[in-house]
Amino acid sequence: GIAEIKVALVAAKAMVKFEPDVTTPSKIADAINSLGYKTTILDSNAGSLLELYISNVSDMDSDVILNIINHIHGINQAKYIGNSRLDIFFDPHEVGPRDILATIRDDGYHVALASSTERGQDE
């Protein structure tokens, strides 16, 4: 269920990307606590992160796509990172990755999960 962990030792903080269908922030915190580290969940309201690549997207297209995404119920934030990359924070209790992908595709854009694109696969 854990996709990525970034630890800032000096700041004593960690950012954890996880699969909400598999685990929760409290389960992750409990696992870290069981290793002897004190944990506090700082921001469990940010939701889940969906990293996408969109083929052949211009700056104008990115504005249109962000507008489409931000009208989906359950989207907390969507950012165009550049190089055809979108980061979308969403509430997994309100909307799922498949619904987000389908909405973007229904508007005529070719989109894939960042991890599948990196592996050379299409989602």
Protein backbone atom coordinates (compact mmCIF):
# COMPACT_ATOMS: atom_id res chain seq x y z
CA GLY A 1 0.00 0.00 0.00
CA ILE A 2 2.94 2.43 0.33
CA ALA A 3 3.99 4.00 -2.99
CA GLU A 4 6.72 6.37 -1.75
CA ILE A 5 8.17 7.80 1.45
CA LYS A 6 10.30 10.94 1.63
CA VAL A 7 11.95 11.57 5.00
CA ALA A 8 13.37 14.92 6.08
CA LEU A 9 15.57 13.95 9.02
CA VAL A 10 16.45 17.51 10.06
CA ALA A 11 12.79 18.57 10.05
CA ALA A 12 11.73 15.23 11.58
CA LYS A 13 8.97 14.87 8.99
CA ALA A 14 8.00 12.31 6.39
CA MET A 15 5.72 12.54 3.38
CA VAL A 16 4.04 9.27 2.54
CA LYS A 17 2.26 8.52 -0.74
CA PHE A 18 0.00 5.54 -0.34
CA GLU A 19 -2.82 3.61 -1.99
CA PRO A 20 -6.01 4.50 -0.10
CA ASP A 21 -7.68 1.26 -1.23
CA VAL A 22 -5.00 -0.67 0.65
CA THR A 23 -4.15 1.37 3.77
CA THR A 24 -4.95 4.51 5.76
CA PRO A 25 -2.88 7.29 7.38
CA SER A 26 -3.64 5.90 10.84
CA LYS A 27 -2.46 2.40 9.88
CA ILE A 28 0.77 3.87 8.49
CA ALA A 29 1.28 5.89 11.68
CA ASP A 30 0.62 2.78 13.80
CA ALA A 31 3.24 0.82 11.82
CA ILE A 32 5.83 3.57 12.32
CA ASN A 33 4.93 3.82 16.03
CA SER A 34 5.47 0.06 16.39
CA LEU A 35 9.06 0.62 15.24
CA GLY A 36 9.62 2.99 18.15
CA TYR A 37 9.14 6.34 16.41
CA LYS A 38 6.56 8.83 17.64
CA THR A 39 4.24 9.89 14.82
CA THR A 40 1.60 12.52 14.31
CA ILE A 41 -0.58 12.74 11.21
CA LEU A 42 -0.14 16.31 10.03
CA ASP A 43 -2.42 16.44 7.00
CA SER A 44 -4.72 13.55 6.31
CA ASN A 45 -7.25 15.86 4.61
CA ALA A 46 -5.12 16.45 1.54
CA GLY A 47 -6.45 13.17 0.15
CA SER A 48 -4.79 10.89 -2.32
CA LEU A 49 -2.39 11.91 -5.04
CA LEU A 50 -2.94 10.87 -8.64
CA GLU A 51 0.01 11.56 -10.96
CA LEU A 52 -0.90 11.68 -14.64
CA TYR A 53 0.73 12.26 -18.02
CA ILE A 54 -1.32 13.76 -20.84
CA SER A 55 -0.08 13.39 -24.42
CA ASN A 56 0.41 16.41 -26.67
CA VAL A 57 -0.85 19.01 -24.21
CA SER A 58 -0.27 22.74 -24.73
CA ASP A 59 -0.43 25.44 -22.06
CA MET A 60 -3.92 26.34 -23.27
CA ASP A 61 -4.97 22.68 -23.09
CA SER A 62 -3.60 22.44 -19.55
CA ASP A 63 -5.89 25.29 -18.45
CA VAL A 64 -8.88 23.55 -20.05
CA ILE A 65 -7.97 20.21 -18.45
CA LEU A 66 -7.50 21.80 -15.02
CA ASN A 67 -10.91 23.44 -15.39
CA ILE A 68 -12.45 20.06 -16.25
CA ILE A 69 -10.75 18.32 -13.32
CA ASN A 70 -11.58 21.04 -10.79
CA HIS A 71 -15.30 20.61 -11.56
CA ILE A 72 -15.22 16.94 -10.51
CA HIS A 73 -16.79 16.41 -7.08
CA GLY A 74 -14.08 15.21 -4.67
CA ILE A 75 -11.11 16.98 -6.28
CA ASN A 76 -9.14 18.91 -3.66
CA GLN A 77 -6.47 20.36 -5.95
CA ALA A 78 -5.12 19.88 -9.46
CA LYS A 79 -1.79 21.27 -10.65
CA TYR A 80 -0.15 21.23 -14.08
CA ILE A 81 3.51 20.54 -13.33
CA GLY A 82 4.73 20.92 -16.92
CA ASN A 83 6.11 18.38 -19.38
CA SER A 84 2.58 16.96 -19.79
CA ARG A 85 2.39 16.09 -16.07
CA LEU A 86 -0.59 16.66 -13.77
CA ASP A 87 -0.77 16.10 -10.03
CA ILE A 88 -4.30 15.69 -8.72
CA PHE A 89 -5.18 15.52 -5.03
CA PHE A 90 -8.58 13.97 -4.43
CA ASP A 91 -10.79 12.56 -1.71
CA PRO A 92 -10.97 8.79 -2.31
CA HIS A 93 -14.30 8.68 -0.49
CA GLU A 94 -15.80 11.00 -3.11
CA VAL A 95 -14.11 10.06 -6.41
CA GLY A 96 -11.69 7.43 -7.68
CA PRO A 97 -8.80 7.44 -10.13
CA ARG A 98 -10.84 5.62 -12.80
CA ASP A 99 -13.54 8.30 -12.70
CA ILE A 100 -10.93 11.06 -13.00
CA LEU A 101 -9.21 9.33 -15.93
CA ALA A 102 -12.56 8.67 -17.64
CA THR A 103 -13.62 12.32 -17.32
CA ILE A 104 -10.39 13.54 -18.92
CA ARG A 105 -10.60 10.91 -21.69
CA ASP A 106 -14.27 11.75 -22.36
CA ASP A 107 -13.12 15.27 -23.23
CA GLY A 108 -10.77 13.87 -25.88
CA TYR A 109 -7.42 13.81 -24.11
CA HIS A 110 -5.03 10.85 -24.02
CA VAL A 111 -4.04 10.32 -20.38
CA ALA A 112 -2.08 7.68 -18.47
CA LEU A 113 -0.96 7.13 -14.90
CA ALA A 114 2.56 8.46 -14.40
CA SER A 115 3.78 5.11 -13.08
CA SER A 116 2.46 3.17 -16.10
CA THR A 117 3.93 5.73 -18.52
CA GLU A 118 7.31 5.40 -16.81
CA ARG A 119 7.09 1.62 -17.32
CA GLY A 120 6.14 2.13 -20.97
CA GLN A 121 2.53 1.01 -20.56
CA ASP A 122 -0.73 2.78 -21.24
CA GLU A 123 -3.46 2.84 -18.63
